[in-house]
Amino acid sequence: MERPGVTELAWGHPDPRFLPGRALRAAADRVIRRYGPDALGYGRPAGPPPLIEMIRSRLGEIDARSPAPDEVVITAGSSQGLDQIATLLMDPGDVALVEAPTYHLAIKLLRDHPLKLVAVPSDRSGLRIDALAEAITRVRADGDRPRILYTVPTFNNPTGLSLSGRRRRELVALAEREGILVVEDDAYRELAYDGPPPPSLWSMARPGTVIRLGTFSKSIAPGLRVGYMTGDAATIAKFVDGGLLDSGGGIGHFTGLMVAEYFRVGGYARDVERLRVAYRKRRDRMLGALERHMPKGTRWTKPAGGYFIWVTLPPGHDTRVLQPIALEKGIGFAHGRTFFGDARGGETSLRLAFSRYPPATLEAAVRQLRSGLAEHGPPRRSARKKQHDTDDAK
């Protein structure tokens, strides 16, 4: 729910003014004229062939390789794809390894099945591969099965950072050795601002090691609920032959044909480039505002793509305490603790989204956030620090 008078920097949403309503309406009209009643009937379980061909073509341009036709299945966005993975490839009580911090609603979804979640820490180069290896060993020593690793390696939500090239290679090699299925959430690949995005884990791995989740929620519109999975043919066949797709005739048949038509006439590539230009300006304005207004000792990420900047306040601050103060100033943000699940971390951090508002609004929002931080007061000294001061006085 949008709150009157609040700049909602917590929301990873597109600017409504960027949603291509007119172009999609024209695409829908052309789909009805071209396919007639077939556009409104049941579709193929894997998804409409024109959309699958569009995805193959586009990934051939923006990733290291293009999938074969039988390596793609259409989903209702990344979340529905993740839910199908948990439903068809895992059993209740299996262990899902999850990087920390990570997309908080993926944590919620995996818990629904229910799975045991084990956090794996990350740093400024992305997921720590040494910590992943230790977690796998620890889980197996406890008698559990680590089945999947969920990760957002490219323009991570919430940090905006990407897994380094070296760690990508190490992660794929480790997953192949250990028999862990990597679930790669690749939602932000199209929104790269400083050059091409890094190759997906899926494109680097042997078949059967990685399933990639893709979506058009960020590059077109979230209300379409159109996404896809790429994987090896045998794994994709499990989804295609499963009860959900067999009974429903595929996911998003009509909207999928709309997306393919939008792509066919050149609208998709043109509008994605417009998004890149606009979001790059917004990212740069927010980064500049943080530099100008935030107090000494504050750190933040500098994302090369996506929607988010991860801000860490000086030690002793608590963003849960800051949150209601900032809200009184008209600023909403996502508290960092939200993205760690049951793991420790995020108490001094917050996620800011720069996607929804124009640059001037973002500048004003950071100023107001700084004003709220001033009211929050200086950071609390830890008990260890206080003891050190007392010892010095003695």
Protein backbone atom coordinates (compact mmCIF):
# COMPACT_ATOMS: atom_id res chain seq x y z
CA MET A 1 0.00 0.00 0.00
CA GLU A 2 1.38 3.37 -0.99
CA ARG A 3 1.50 5.76 1.96
CA PRO A 4 0.59 9.40 1.22
CA GLY A 5 3.54 11.74 1.59
CA VAL A 6 6.12 8.93 1.78
CA THR A 7 8.94 8.41 -0.71
CA GLU A 8 9.03 4.62 -0.71
CA LEU A 9 12.70 3.76 -1.17
CA ALA A 10 11.92 0.33 0.27
CA TRP A 11 10.12 -0.71 -2.89
CA GLY A 12 11.95 -2.48 -5.70
CA HIS A 13 9.35 -1.25 -8.19
CA PRO A 14 9.65 0.39 -11.61
CA ASP A 15 8.56 3.96 -12.15
CA PRO A 16 4.91 3.70 -13.31
CA ARG A 17 5.70 6.24 -16.03
CA PHE A 18 8.11 3.74 -17.60
CA LEU A 19 5.51 0.98 -18.02
CA PRO A 20 4.83 0.55 -21.79
CA GLY A 21 1.04 0.45 -21.69
CA ARG A 22 0.49 1.83 -25.18
CA ALA A 23 3.02 -0.51 -26.79
CA LEU A 24 1.59 -3.55 -25.00
CA ARG A 25 -1.97 -2.62 -26.00
CA ALA A 26 -0.85 -2.46 -29.63
CA ALA A 27 0.95 -5.79 -29.24
CA ALA A 28 -2.21 -7.36 -27.79
CA ASP A 29 -4.27 -6.11 -30.76
CA ARG A 30 -1.79 -7.62 -33.22
CA VAL A 31 -1.78 -10.94 -31.33
CA ILE A 32 -5.57 -11.19 -31.53
CA ARG A 33 -5.52 -10.38 -35.26
CA ARG A 34 -2.72 -12.86 -36.01
CA TYR A 35 -3.78 -15.85 -33.90
CA GLY A 36 -7.51 -15.29 -33.48
CA PRO A 37 -9.17 -17.59 -30.90
CA ASP A 38 -5.96 -19.60 -30.52
CA ALA A 39 -4.46 -16.65 -28.62
CA LEU A 40 -7.14 -17.07 -25.95
CA GLY A 41 -7.15 -20.84 -25.70
CA TYR A 42 -4.94 -23.24 -23.75
CA GLY A 43 -1.29 -23.10 -24.75
CA ARG A 44 1.60 -25.57 -24.79
CA PRO A 45 2.81 -26.66 -21.34
CA ALA A 46 6.32 -25.30 -21.99
CA GLY A 47 4.91 -21.95 -23.12
CA PRO A 48 4.17 -20.26 -26.46
CA PRO A 49 6.84 -21.06 -29.07
CA PRO A 50 7.20 -17.41 -30.22
CA LEU A 51 8.10 -16.38 -26.66
CA ILE A 52 10.57 -19.24 -26.24
CA GLU A 53 12.26 -18.22 -29.49
CA MET A 54 12.35 -14.61 -28.32
CA ILE A 55 14.05 -15.65 -25.05
CA ARG A 56 16.58 -17.79 -26.92
CA SER A 57 17.38 -14.90 -29.23
CA ARG A 58 17.69 -12.34 -26.45
CA LEU A 59 19.87 -14.51 -24.21
CA GLY A 60 22.13 -15.09 -27.19
CA GLU A 61 22.71 -11.31 -27.15
CA ILE A 62 23.06 -10.63 -23.41
CA ASP A 63 24.49 -13.88 -22.02
CA ALA A 64 27.38 -16.20 -22.85
CA ARG A 65 25.17 -18.71 -24.67
CA SER A 66 21.63 -19.27 -25.85
CA PRO A 67 19.50 -22.17 -24.57
CA ALA A 68 18.10 -24.85 -26.84
CA PRO A 69 14.30 -24.90 -27.27
CA ASP A 70 13.91 -27.79 -24.81
CA GLU A 71 16.00 -25.95 -22.18
CA VAL A 72 13.34 -23.25 -21.61
CA VAL A 73 10.01 -23.27 -19.79
CA ILE A 74 7.77 -20.24 -19.23
CA THR A 75 6.80 -19.27 -15.67
CA ALA A 76 4.63 -16.69 -13.94
CA GLY A 77 7.72 -14.74 -12.90
CA SER A 78 10.76 -15.83 -10.91
CA SER A 79 8.81 -16.57 -7.73
CA GLN A 80 6.53 -19.11 -9.39
CA GLY A 81 9.57 -20.77 -10.93
CA LEU A 82 11.25 -21.01 -7.53
CA ASP A 83 8.07 -22.47 -6.07
CA GLN A 84 8.00 -25.15 -8.77
CA ILE A 85 11.63 -26.04 -8.03
CA ALA A 86 10.81 -26.50 -4.36
CA THR A 87 7.66 -28.47 -5.22
CA LEU A 88 9.03 -30.88 -7.82
CA LEU A 89 12.73 -31.19 -6.99
CA MET A 90 12.78 -31.11 -3.18
CA ASP A 91 11.17 -32.85 -0.22
CA PRO A 92 10.03 -31.25 3.06
CA GLY A 93 12.96 -31.11 5.43
CA ASP A 94 15.60 -30.90 2.71
CA VAL A 95 18.22 -28.20 3.16
CA ALA A 96 18.30 -25.11 0.97
CA LEU A 97 21.52 -23.13 1.20
CA VAL A 98 20.78 -19.42 0.87
CA GLU A 99 23.28 -16.60 0.52
CA ALA A 100 23.09 -13.87 3.15
CA PRO A 101 21.92 -11.23 2.58
CA THR A 102 19.44 -12.24 -0.11
CA TYR A 103 15.98 -11.57 -1.53
CA HIS A 104 13.73 -11.75 1.51
CA LEU A 105 10.64 -13.08 -0.28
CA ALA A 106 12.62 -16.03 -1.64
CA ILE A 107 13.34 -16.91 2.00
CA LYS A 108 9.62 -16.74 2.74
CA LEU A 109 8.75 -18.89 -0.27
CA LEU A 110 11.27 -21.62 0.56
CA ARG A 111 9.99 -21.73 4.13
CA ASP A 112 6.47 -22.38 2.84
CA HIS A 113 7.37 -25.90 1.64
CA PRO A 114 8.91 -26.31 4.37
CA LEU A 115 12.66 -26.54 3.90
CA LYS A 116 15.55 -26.09 6.29
CA LEU A 117 17.40 -22.91 5.37
CA VAL A 118 21.12 -22.56 5.99
CA ALA A 119 22.66 -19.13 5.45
CA VAL A 120 25.97 -18.70 3.60
CA PRO A 121 27.70 -15.32 4.11
CA SER A 122 28.81 -13.02 1.33
CA ASP A 123 31.15 -10.05 1.03
CA ARG A 124 31.82 -7.33 -1.53
CA SER A 125 32.86 -9.97 -4.10
CA GLY A 126 29.63 -11.90 -3.61
CA LEU A 127 28.94 -15.31 -2.09
CA ARG A 128 31.92 -16.68 -0.15
CA ILE A 129 32.83 -19.99 -1.73
CA ASP A 130 34.91 -21.07 1.26
CA ALA A 131 31.91 -20.52 3.53
CA LEU A 132 29.70 -22.46 1.10
CA ALA A 133 32.05 -25.46 1.19
CA GLU A 134 32.08 -25.34 5.00
CA ALA A 135 28.25 -25.15 5.11
CA ILE A 136 27.91 -28.21 2.84
CA THR A 137 30.28 -30.19 5.06
CA ARG A 138 28.48 -29.08 8.22
CA VAL A 139 25.02 -29.94 6.87
CA ARG A 140 26.10 -33.40 5.81
CA ALA A 141 27.79 -34.01 9.17
CA ASP A 142 24.41 -33.29 10.78
CA GLY A 143 22.81 -35.99 8.64
CA ASP A 144 20.92 -33.61 6.32
CA ARG A 145 20.89 -33.27 2.54
CA PRO A 146 21.92 -29.94 1.03
CA ARG A 147 19.86 -30.02 -2.17
CA ILE A 148 19.95 -26.50 -3.59
CA LEU A 149 21.76 -23.20 -3.31
CA TYR A 150 19.65 -20.11 -3.96
CA THR A 151 21.69 -17.12 -5.09
CA VAL A 152 21.29 -13.77 -6.88
CA PRO A 153 24.79 -13.46 -8.35
CA THR A 154 24.21 -10.62 -10.82
CA PHE A 155 23.19 -7.21 -9.39
CA ASN A 156 22.15 -8.85 -6.16
CA ASN A 157 18.99 -8.02 -4.27
CA PRO A 158 19.57 -6.36 -1.78
CA THR A 159 23.21 -5.30 -2.19
CA GLY A 160 23.38 -4.53 -5.92
CA LEU A 161 26.76 -6.33 -6.08
CA SER A 162 27.75 -9.12 -8.47
CA LEU A 163 29.66 -12.32 -7.87
CA SER A 164 33.22 -11.97 -9.18
CA GLY A 165 34.35 -13.92 -12.23
CA ARG A 166 36.73 -16.07 -10.20
CA ARG A 167 34.06 -16.97 -7.69
CA ARG A 168 31.60 -17.80 -10.46
CA ARG A 169 34.01 -20.39 -11.78
CA GLU A 170 34.71 -21.70 -8.27
CA LEU A 171 31.00 -21.90 -7.44
CA VAL A 172 30.14 -23.86 -10.58
CA ALA A 173 33.03 -26.25 -9.98
CA LEU A 174 32.06 -26.80 -6.33
CA ALA A 175 28.41 -27.40 -7.20
CA GLU A 176 29.41 -29.94 -9.85
CA ARG A 177 31.67 -31.82 -7.40
CA GLU A 178 29.18 -31.80 -4.53
CA GLY A 179 26.02 -32.49 -6.54
CA ILE A 180 24.32 -29.27 -5.40
CA LEU A 181 21.72 -27.72 -7.70
CA VAL A 182 22.32 -23.98 -8.01
CA VAL A 183 19.18 -21.89 -8.41
CA GLU A 184 20.33 -18.67 -10.05
CA ASP A 185 17.89 -15.76 -9.72
CA ASP A 186 18.83 -13.64 -12.76
CA ALA A 187 16.09 -11.00 -12.49
CA TYR A 188 18.24 -7.93 -13.20
CA ARG A 189 20.39 -9.07 -16.17
CA GLU A 190 18.80 -6.57 -18.57
CA LEU A 191 19.50 -3.61 -16.25
CA ALA A 192 23.29 -3.31 -16.64
CA TYR A 193 24.61 0.26 -16.52
CA ASP A 194 28.40 0.07 -16.82
CA GLY A 195 28.86 -2.43 -19.63
CA PRO A 196 27.60 -5.95 -20.36
CA PRO A 197 26.49 -8.07 -17.40
CA PRO A 198 28.70 -10.99 -16.36
CA PRO A 199 27.91 -14.42 -17.83
CA SER A 200 25.25 -16.35 -16.00
CA LEU A 201 26.18 -19.31 -13.85
CA TRP A 202 23.86 -21.36 -16.06
CA SER A 203 25.89 -20.52 -19.16
CA MET A 204 29.14 -21.60 -17.46
CA ALA A 205 28.04 -24.88 -15.87
CA ARG A 206 27.66 -28.43 -17.06
CA PRO A 207 24.02 -29.39 -17.81
CA GLY A 208 22.13 -30.26 -14.65
CA THR A 209 24.17 -28.03 -12.33
CA VAL A 210 22.24 -24.72 -12.57
CA ILE A 211 18.64 -23.65 -13.10
CA ARG A 212 18.35 -19.98 -14.02
CA LEU A 213 15.25 -17.94 -13.14
CA GLY A 214 14.51 -15.07 -15.51
CA THR A 215 11.70 -12.52 -15.58
CA PHE A 216 10.24 -9.64 -17.58
CA SER A 217 9.01 -7.93 -14.40
CA LYS A 218 12.01 -5.59 -14.36
CA SER A 219 12.49 -5.07 -18.10
CA ILE A 220 8.80 -4.67 -19.12
CA ALA A 221 6.21 -4.73 -16.32
CA PRO A 222 5.66 -6.81 -13.17
CA GLY A 223 1.91 -7.07 -13.76
CA LEU A 224 2.44 -9.28 -16.80
CA ARG A 225 3.67 -12.13 -14.54
CA VAL A 226 5.79 -13.58 -17.34
CA GLY A 227 9.16 -15.18 -16.68
CA TYR A 228 11.13 -18.27 -17.59
CA MET A 229 13.55 -20.94 -16.40
CA THR A 230 16.55 -22.26 -18.30
CA GLY A 231 18.05 -25.60 -17.36
CA ASP A 232 19.14 -28.89 -18.83
CA ALA A 233 16.52 -30.61 -21.00
CA ALA A 234 15.88 -33.46 -18.54
CA THR A 235 15.17 -31.09 -15.63
CA ILE A 236 13.03 -28.74 -17.73
CA ALA A 237 11.00 -31.77 -18.86
CA LYS A 238 10.07 -32.43 -15.21
CA PHE A 239 8.37 -29.04 -15.07
CA VAL A 240 6.79 -29.34 -18.51
CA ASP A 241 5.38 -32.79 -17.70
CA GLY A 242 4.30 -31.84 -14.16
CA GLY A 243 0.71 -31.56 -13.08
CA LEU A 244 0.59 -27.75 -12.95
CA LEU A 245 1.55 -27.14 -16.57
CA ASP A 246 -0.20 -30.24 -17.90
CA SER A 247 -3.49 -29.22 -16.31
CA GLY A 248 -3.31 -25.50 -17.13
CA GLY A 249 -2.02 -25.52 -20.67
CA GLY A 250 1.08 -23.53 -19.87
CA ILE A 251 1.63 -20.31 -17.97
CA GLY A 252 0.60 -16.91 -19.35
CA HIS A 253 -0.21 -18.04 -22.90
CA PHE A 254 -1.78 -14.77 -24.08
CA THR A 255 0.56 -12.45 -22.18
CA GLY A 256 3.51 -14.49 -23.41
CA LEU A 257 2.40 -13.96 -27.00
CA MET A 258 2.12 -10.24 -26.24
CA VAL A 259 5.70 -10.11 -24.98
CA ALA A 260 6.94 -11.98 -28.07
CA GLU A 261 5.08 -9.56 -30.35
CA TYR A 262 6.44 -6.56 -28.45
CA PHE A 263 9.91 -7.97 -29.03
CA ARG A 264 9.26 -8.78 -32.71
CA VAL A 265 8.55 -5.17 -33.69
CA GLY A 266 11.60 -3.83 -31.83
CA GLY A 267 9.80 -2.33 -28.84
CA TYR A 268 11.50 -4.47 -26.22
CA ALA A 269 15.12 -3.72 -27.10
CA ARG A 270 14.37 -0.02 -27.58
CA ASP A 271 12.55 0.38 -24.28
CA VAL A 272 15.10 -1.64 -22.27
CA GLU A 273 17.80 0.74 -23.47
CA ARG A 274 15.66 3.68 -22.32
CA LEU A 275 15.34 2.04 -18.91
CA ARG A 276 19.10 1.60 -18.69
CA VAL A 277 19.71 5.27 -19.44
CA ALA A 278 17.07 6.47 -16.96
CA TYR A 279 18.03 4.12 -14.13
CA ARG A 280 21.73 4.86 -14.60
CA LYS A 281 21.00 8.56 -14.00
CA ARG A 282 19.00 7.72 -10.89
CA ARG A 283 21.69 5.43 -9.53
CA ASP A 284 24.33 8.09 -10.08
CA ARG A 285 22.22 10.78 -8.43
CA MET A 286 21.60 8.64 -5.36
CA LEU A 287 25.27 7.70 -5.09
CA GLY A 288 26.20 11.37 -5.31
CA ALA A 289 23.60 12.28 -2.69
CA LEU A 290 24.94 9.66 -0.30
CA GLU A 291 28.42 11.09 -0.78
CA ARG A 292 27.20 14.63 -0.10
CA HIS A 293 24.85 14.01 2.81
CA MET A 294 25.61 10.86 4.78
CA PRO A 295 27.81 11.06 7.90
CA LYS A 296 31.42 10.03 8.05
CA GLY A 297 31.88 6.29 8.46
CA THR A 298 28.84 5.37 6.37
CA ARG A 299 29.54 2.86 3.59
CA TRP A 300 27.48 1.92 0.55
CA THR A 301 27.71 -0.31 -2.50
CA LYS A 302 28.13 1.00 -6.03
CA PRO A 303 26.01 -1.35 -8.13
CA ALA A 304 26.75 -1.84 -11.83
CA GLY A 305 23.10 -2.73 -12.45
CA GLY A 306 19.74 -3.53 -10.89
CA TYR A 307 17.59 -1.44 -8.55
CA PHE A 308 19.38 -1.26 -5.20
CA ILE A 309 22.08 0.36 -3.10
CA TRP A 310 23.04 -1.25 0.22
CA VAL A 311 23.95 1.29 2.89
CA THR A 312 25.77 0.42 6.11
CA LEU A 313 25.83 2.98 8.90
CA PRO A 314 28.71 3.39 11.36
CA PRO A 315 28.86 0.74 14.12
CA GLY A 316 26.41 1.29 16.94
CA HIS A 317 23.52 2.54 14.79
CA ASP A 318 20.36 0.44 14.54
CA THR A 319 18.25 0.87 11.41
CA ARG A 320 15.21 -0.58 13.19
CA VAL A 321 15.34 2.44 15.49
CA LEU A 322 15.97 4.75 12.53
CA GLN A 323 13.07 3.39 10.49
CA PRO A 324 10.13 5.11 12.30
CA ILE A 325 12.13 8.33 12.58
CA ALA A 326 12.77 8.31 8.83
CA LEU A 327 9.11 7.57 8.19
CA GLU A 328 8.16 10.72 10.08
CA LYS A 329 10.43 12.55 7.63
CA GLY A 330 8.53 10.96 4.73
CA ILE A 331 11.14 8.33 3.84
CA GLY A 332 10.62 4.58 3.71
CA PHE A 333 13.49 2.11 3.44
CA ALA A 334 14.01 -1.63 3.84
CA HIS A 335 15.70 -2.58 7.11
CA GLY A 336 18.78 -4.71 6.49
CA ARG A 337 17.84 -7.40 8.98
CA THR A 338 14.99 -8.42 6.65
CA PHE A 339 17.42 -9.95 4.15
CA PHE A 340 19.24 -12.33 6.50
CA GLY A 341 16.43 -14.71 7.50
CA ASP A 342 17.46 -16.50 10.69
CA ALA A 343 21.13 -15.57 10.27
CA ARG A 344 22.73 -12.69 12.11
CA GLY A 345 23.44 -9.47 10.26
CA GLY A 346 21.95 -6.33 8.79
CA GLU A 347 21.32 -4.44 12.04
CA THR A 348 23.21 -1.36 10.83
CA SER A 349 22.26 -1.69 7.15
CA LEU A 350 19.41 -0.64 4.90
CA ARG A 351 18.39 -1.17 1.29
CA LEU A 352 17.52 1.84 -0.87
CA ALA A 353 15.79 1.44 -4.25
CA PHE A 354 16.47 4.14 -6.85
CA SER A 355 14.11 2.79 -9.55
CA ARG A 356 10.78 4.39 -8.74
CA TYR A 357 11.53 8.12 -8.44
CA PRO A 358 13.21 10.83 -10.56
CA PRO A 359 16.71 12.04 -9.63
CA ALA A 360 15.63 15.21 -7.80
CA THR A 361 13.27 13.23 -5.56
CA LEU A 362 16.07 10.79 -4.73
CA GLU A 363 18.39 13.65 -3.77
CA ALA A 364 15.74 15.14 -1.47
CA ALA A 365 15.02 11.71 0.04
CA VAL A 366 18.67 11.17 0.99
CA ARG A 367 18.75 14.60 2.62
CA GLN A 368 15.69 13.71 4.66
CA LEU A 369 17.21 10.37 5.57
CA ARG A 370 20.28 12.20 6.85
CA SER A 371 18.01 14.49 8.88
CA GLY A 372 16.36 11.46 10.44
CA LEU A 373 19.75 9.99 11.21
CA ALA A 374 20.70 13.21 13.03
CA GLU A 375 17.59 12.84 15.20
CA HIS A 376 18.46 9.18 15.76
CA GLY A 377 21.55 10.50 17.52
CA PRO A 378 25.15 9.30 17.67
CA PRO A 379 25.83 5.57 17.51
CA ARG A 380 25.60 3.64 20.74
CA ARG A 381 28.93 2.41 22.05
CA SER A 382 29.17 -1.31 22.51
CA ALA A 383 29.67 -2.86 25.94
CA ARG A 384 33.14 -3.96 24.81
CA LYS A 385 34.03 -0.37 23.94
CA LYS A 386 32.73 0.90 27.28
CA GLN A 387 34.81 -1.69 29.13
CA HIS A 388 37.89 -0.63 27.14
CA ASP A 389 37.29 3.00 28.13
CA THR A 390 36.92 2.03 31.80
CA ASP A 391 40.16 0.06 31.69
CA ASP A 392 41.94 3.07 30.18
CA ALA A 393 40.59 5.29 32.97
CA LYS A 394 41.98 2.91 35.57
